[in-house]
Amino acid sequence: MGRAHSTNFEALGRFAMDKRKKTSKRVVSTKVAARKKKKTHRRVVSLEGDLVILAVDAAFEIVTQTGFNYRQEKVYPLLKSKGFDIKRCQETLARRIYAAPEARKPHVVYITGVGHGAYDSFTGHFYEPIFTVGDYSPEESNGKIVHFISCETARDLGPDFVAHGCRAYFGYDEDFTFLLDIADIFFECDSEIDHGFAEGLNAGQVYERVKALFNTHIAALRANGDDYKAATLEFDRDHLRAPSSGAQWGDLNAQLI
């Protein structure tokens, strides 16, 4: 695990669990046929305590702390303003023993958070596995929409969630990387997923809006001559998976409200 310092080089954070290799740039790691027409997965809820979001956020080193701080300031207040209740399993509470019972509750309609990841697992405090393929109950995914800011989880965990009733899964099938000096741009693009669902968009519409925001920032960085920064953001855009990427990530029409 690398550490970020105030130097004249860029610091690169990524949510992957493998050990980093030495590079010329400082790297901070956190690894992570015809058929019948499907029915639209629209959940009918009231605004009187039924809309519960489970926030599972690690925050134990610079990479997860950066994501956690952004979401505390910019994401959860907006979700709260839209009428959602937030159940928090964050920091030292980002552990399976606390998060799993909350995920099983039927009024939890959306699960989101930042943490390290692997292809088959989303982890919390000090890399403790929270949701792992083959090691969670169907109630933890059934009927939910899920969005994790983590490396790799969209490759195996996301489709497994969908196979167990998850309505839509948003995440990354390879490393989610960001540059510490412009971290807000990366997290702004990712958090547009949360904003879109909170505003009533369906999964297909959310993806298009998120992709458009990525493209806007990529173009601005390239216009400013920041090709490396643009390419890093482009990598995240290209590895974002959602129902728009294929049915294994859920239903295009899934929405919260």
Protein backbone atom coordinates (compact mmCIF):
# COMPACT_ATOMS: atom_id res chain seq x y z
CA MET A 1 0.00 0.00 0.00
CA GLY A 2 1.51 3.32 -1.07
CA ARG A 3 1.11 6.67 0.58
CA ALA A 4 0.53 10.05 -1.02
CA HIS A 5 2.99 12.85 -0.35
CA SER A 6 3.10 16.52 -1.31
CA THR A 7 5.53 16.25 -4.18
CA ASN A 8 5.77 17.41 -7.76
CA PHE A 9 4.50 14.11 -9.14
CA GLU A 10 0.89 12.99 -9.49
CA ALA A 11 -0.58 10.50 -7.04
CA LEU A 12 -2.78 7.80 -8.50
CA GLY A 13 -5.33 6.02 -6.36
CA ARG A 14 -6.96 2.80 -7.39
CA PHE A 15 -9.44 0.55 -5.67
CA ALA A 16 -7.69 -2.81 -6.16
CA MET A 17 -6.47 -5.30 -3.59
CA ASP A 18 -3.27 -6.45 -5.31
CA LYS A 19 0.14 -5.11 -4.29
CA ARG A 20 1.32 -2.25 -6.46
CA LYS A 21 4.38 -2.35 -8.67
CA LYS A 22 6.87 0.47 -8.66
CA THR A 23 6.29 2.97 -11.43
CA SER A 24 7.44 6.45 -12.31
CA LYS A 25 4.19 7.77 -10.83
CA ARG A 26 3.15 7.23 -7.25
CA VAL A 27 0.39 4.63 -7.05
CA VAL A 28 -1.99 4.14 -4.17
CA SER A 29 -3.86 0.82 -4.26
CA THR A 30 -7.21 -0.43 -2.97
CA LYS A 31 -8.30 -3.48 -5.18
CA VAL A 32 -11.40 -4.24 -6.93
CA ALA A 33 -30.93 -16.68 -27.88
CA ALA A 34 -34.54 -15.40 -27.97
CA ARG A 35 -36.28 -15.03 -24.65
CA LYS A 36 -39.48 -13.66 -23.20
CA LYS A 37 -39.69 -9.93 -22.58
CA LYS A 38 -38.84 -9.10 -18.99
CA LYS A 39 -41.27 -7.24 -16.78
CA THR A 40 -40.22 -3.72 -15.84
CA HIS A 41 -38.53 -3.75 -12.44
CA ARG A 42 -40.04 -0.66 -10.89
CA ARG A 43 -40.28 -0.66 -7.13
CA VAL A 44 -43.38 0.98 -5.70
CA VAL A 45 -42.64 2.75 -2.43
CA SER A 46 -43.90 5.67 -0.45
CA LEU A 47 -41.85 8.58 0.82
CA GLU A 48 -42.70 7.79 4.44
CA GLY A 49 -39.70 5.84 5.66
CA ASP A 50 -39.67 3.19 2.91
CA LEU A 51 -36.78 4.59 0.89
CA VAL A 52 -33.73 3.38 2.76
CA ILE A 53 -30.22 3.56 1.33
CA LEU A 54 -27.51 1.42 2.89
CA ALA A 55 -24.16 3.26 2.81
CA VAL A 56 -21.19 0.93 3.26
CA ASP A 57 -18.01 3.02 3.15
CA ALA A 58 -14.48 2.12 4.15
CA ALA A 59 -12.22 4.98 5.24
CA PHE A 60 -8.99 3.61 6.66
CA GLU A 61 -6.27 4.97 4.35
CA ILE A 62 -5.83 7.78 1.82
CA VAL A 63 -7.67 6.19 -1.10
CA THR A 64 -10.81 5.11 0.73
CA GLN A 65 -10.71 8.26 2.89
CA THR A 66 -10.72 10.42 -0.24
CA GLY A 67 -13.79 8.68 -1.62
CA PHE A 68 -15.52 8.61 1.76
CA ASN A 69 -14.98 12.33 2.37
CA TYR A 70 -16.33 13.24 -1.06
CA ARG A 71 -19.45 11.13 -0.56
CA GLN A 72 -20.05 12.49 2.94
CA GLU A 73 -19.97 16.03 1.58
CA LYS A 74 -21.53 15.70 -1.86
CA VAL A 75 -23.54 12.48 -2.15
CA TYR A 76 -25.35 11.57 1.05
CA PRO A 77 -26.72 15.06 1.76
CA LEU A 78 -28.26 15.11 -1.72
CA LEU A 79 -29.79 11.65 -1.25
CA LYS A 80 -31.18 12.77 2.09
CA SER A 81 -32.70 15.87 0.48
CA LYS A 82 -34.54 13.63 -2.00
CA GLY A 83 -36.41 11.88 0.80
CA PHE A 84 -34.18 8.87 1.37
CA ASP A 85 -33.22 7.59 4.81
CA ILE A 86 -29.53 6.72 5.06
CA LYS A 87 -28.43 3.73 7.11
CA ARG A 88 -24.69 4.06 7.60
CA CYS A 89 -22.22 1.20 7.99
CA GLN A 90 -19.13 3.35 7.56
CA GLU A 91 -15.51 3.55 8.74
CA THR A 92 -15.01 0.92 11.49
CA LEU A 93 -18.64 -0.20 11.00
CA ALA A 94 -17.95 -1.14 7.37
CA ARG A 95 -17.86 -4.82 8.29
CA ARG A 96 -20.02 -7.74 7.25
CA ILE A 97 -21.35 -8.32 10.76
CA TYR A 98 -23.01 -4.87 10.62
CA ALA A 99 -23.78 -4.46 6.92
CA ALA A 100 -25.28 -7.85 6.06
CA PRO A 101 -28.25 -7.68 8.49
CA GLU A 102 -29.09 -4.20 7.18
CA ALA A 103 -28.86 -5.33 3.55
CA ARG A 104 -31.40 -8.08 4.24
CA LYS A 105 -34.09 -5.61 5.31
CA PRO A 106 -36.82 -5.25 2.69
CA HIS A 107 -37.00 -1.46 2.98
CA VAL A 108 -33.38 -1.13 1.82
CA VAL A 109 -33.80 -0.32 -1.86
CA TYR A 110 -30.28 0.84 -2.71
CA ILE A 111 -26.83 -0.25 -1.52
CA THR A 112 -23.81 1.89 -2.25
CA GLY A 113 -20.36 2.58 -0.91
CA VAL A 114 -16.64 2.93 -1.46
CA GLY A 115 -14.08 0.26 -0.64
CA HIS A 116 -11.39 -2.01 -1.93
CA GLY A 117 -12.47 -4.82 -4.18
CA ALA A 118 -11.65 -7.92 -6.17
CA TYR A 119 -13.49 -9.63 -9.00
CA ASP A 120 -15.65 -11.61 -6.59
CA SER A 121 -15.73 -9.42 -3.48
CA PHE A 122 -16.45 -5.94 -2.11
CA THR A 123 -14.57 -5.20 1.10
CA GLY A 124 -14.86 -2.73 3.93
CA HIS A 125 -12.77 -1.77 6.93
CA PHE A 126 -9.19 -3.04 6.56
CA TYR A 127 -10.17 -5.23 3.60
CA GLU A 128 -12.79 -7.27 5.44
CA PRO A 129 -15.00 -8.99 2.85
CA ILE A 130 -18.59 -7.77 3.06
CA PHE A 131 -20.22 -9.15 -0.08
CA THR A 132 -18.49 -12.13 -1.71
CA VAL A 133 -19.69 -14.52 -4.42
CA GLY A 134 -21.04 -17.62 -2.69
CA ASP A 135 -20.98 -16.04 0.76
CA TYR A 136 -24.09 -13.87 1.11
CA SER A 137 -27.79 -14.58 1.42
CA PRO A 138 -30.23 -13.85 -1.47
CA GLU A 139 -32.04 -11.32 0.73
CA GLU A 140 -28.95 -9.10 0.62
CA SER A 141 -29.31 -8.55 -3.13
CA ASN A 142 -32.89 -9.40 -4.02
CA GLY A 143 -34.90 -6.35 -5.05
CA LYS A 144 -32.00 -3.92 -4.56
CA ILE A 145 -30.11 -1.59 -6.85
CA VAL A 146 -26.38 -1.67 -6.05
CA HIS A 147 -23.54 0.75 -6.84
CA PHE A 148 -20.02 0.19 -5.52
CA ILE A 149 -16.99 2.44 -6.08
CA SER A 150 -14.42 -0.30 -6.05
CA CYS A 151 -12.08 -2.11 -8.39
CA GLU A 152 -13.15 -5.18 -10.31
CA THR A 153 -16.41 -6.11 -8.54
CA ALA A 154 -18.53 -5.70 -11.67
CA ARG A 155 -16.86 -8.65 -13.38
CA ASP A 156 -18.06 -11.45 -11.10
CA LEU A 157 -19.83 -10.05 -8.02
CA GLY A 158 -22.17 -7.80 -10.03
CA PRO A 159 -23.57 -10.55 -12.28
CA ASP A 160 -23.83 -12.85 -9.26
CA PHE A 161 -25.88 -10.22 -7.44
CA VAL A 162 -28.16 -9.92 -10.48
CA ALA A 163 -28.54 -13.70 -10.64
CA HIS A 164 -29.78 -13.47 -7.04
CA GLY A 165 -32.39 -10.80 -7.67
CA CYS A 166 -30.44 -7.53 -7.78
CA ARG A 167 -32.38 -5.23 -10.09
CA ALA A 168 -29.38 -3.28 -11.40
CA TYR A 169 -25.66 -3.27 -10.63
CA PHE A 170 -23.27 -0.38 -11.31
CA GLY A 171 -19.54 -0.84 -10.78
CA TYR A 172 -16.19 -1.37 -12.47
CA ASP A 173 -14.89 -4.62 -13.95
CA GLU A 174 -11.24 -3.55 -13.65
CA ASP A 175 -9.42 -1.04 -11.45
CA PHE A 176 -11.18 2.22 -10.61
CA THR A 177 -8.33 4.73 -10.68
CA PHE A 178 -8.15 8.39 -9.81
CA LEU A 179 -5.55 11.12 -9.48
CA LEU A 180 -5.42 12.66 -6.03
CA ASP A 181 -4.88 16.21 -7.30
CA ILE A 182 -8.15 16.11 -9.27
CA ALA A 183 -9.95 13.42 -7.27
CA ASP A 184 -13.20 15.38 -7.16
CA ILE A 185 -13.60 15.05 -10.93
CA PHE A 186 -13.42 11.26 -10.72
CA PHE A 187 -15.82 11.01 -7.81
CA GLU A 188 -18.18 13.55 -9.37
CA CYS A 189 -18.49 11.36 -12.44
CA ASP A 190 -19.07 8.23 -10.38
CA SER A 191 -21.54 9.85 -7.98
CA GLU A 192 -23.72 10.89 -10.90
CA ILE A 193 -24.96 7.30 -10.63
CA ASP A 194 -26.37 8.02 -7.16
CA HIS A 195 -27.75 11.39 -8.24
CA GLY A 196 -29.50 9.95 -11.28
CA PHE A 197 -31.26 7.21 -9.35
CA ALA A 198 -32.26 9.67 -6.62
CA GLU A 199 -33.89 11.85 -9.26
CA GLY A 200 -36.02 8.99 -10.56
CA LEU A 201 -34.11 8.01 -13.68
CA ASN A 202 -34.01 4.38 -14.74
CA ALA A 203 -30.76 2.45 -15.06
CA GLY A 204 -30.42 3.10 -18.78
CA GLN A 205 -30.94 6.82 -18.36
CA VAL A 206 -28.53 6.94 -15.42
CA TYR A 207 -25.78 5.31 -17.47
CA GLU A 208 -26.21 7.76 -20.35
CA ARG A 209 -26.02 10.71 -17.98
CA VAL A 210 -22.94 9.36 -16.24
CA LYS A 211 -21.21 8.65 -19.54
CA ALA A 212 -21.98 12.18 -20.74
CA LEU A 213 -20.40 13.68 -17.61
CA PHE A 214 -17.30 11.52 -18.04
CA ASN A 215 -17.06 12.69 -21.65
CA THR A 216 -17.41 16.36 -20.68
CA HIS A 217 -14.54 16.16 -18.21
CA ILE A 218 -12.37 14.08 -20.55
CA ALA A 219 -12.80 16.65 -23.32
CA ALA A 220 -11.98 19.53 -20.94
CA LEU A 221 -8.81 17.81 -19.73
CA ARG A 222 -7.65 17.09 -23.26
CA ALA A 223 -8.35 20.67 -24.29
CA ASN A 224 -6.13 21.78 -21.41
CA GLY A 225 -3.31 19.49 -22.55
CA ASP A 226 -3.77 17.06 -19.64
CA ASP A 227 -3.71 13.91 -21.75
CA TYR A 228 -2.60 11.58 -18.95
CA LYS A 229 -5.38 12.77 -16.67
CA ALA A 230 -7.90 12.45 -19.49
CA ALA A 231 -6.73 8.92 -20.28
CA THR A 232 -7.03 7.89 -16.63
CA LEU A 233 -10.60 9.17 -16.47
CA GLU A 234 -11.31 7.53 -19.82
CA PHE A 235 -10.15 4.19 -18.41
CA ASP A 236 -12.74 4.42 -15.63
CA ARG A 237 -15.48 5.36 -18.08
CA ASP A 238 -14.67 2.40 -20.30
CA HIS A 239 -14.73 -0.09 -17.42
CA LEU A 240 -17.98 1.08 -15.84
CA ARG A 241 -20.52 -1.72 -16.10
CA ALA A 242 -24.28 -1.34 -15.80
CA PRO A 243 -27.43 -2.78 -17.41
CA SER A 244 -26.53 -0.75 -20.50
CA SER A 245 -23.45 -2.98 -20.81
CA GLY A 246 -25.51 -6.18 -20.83
CA ALA A 247 -28.35 -8.02 -19.13
CA GLN A 248 -25.91 -9.68 -16.70
CA TRP A 249 -25.80 -6.33 -14.90
CA GLY A 250 -29.56 -6.02 -14.57
CA ASP A 251 -32.61 -4.34 -16.01
CA LEU A 252 -32.36 -1.14 -18.04
CA ASN A 253 -35.73 -0.04 -16.65
CA ALA A 254 -34.85 -0.50 -12.98
CA GLN A 255 -35.41 2.65 -10.92
CA LEU A 256 -35.85 3.64 -7.31
CA ILE A 257 -38.83 6.00 -7.50
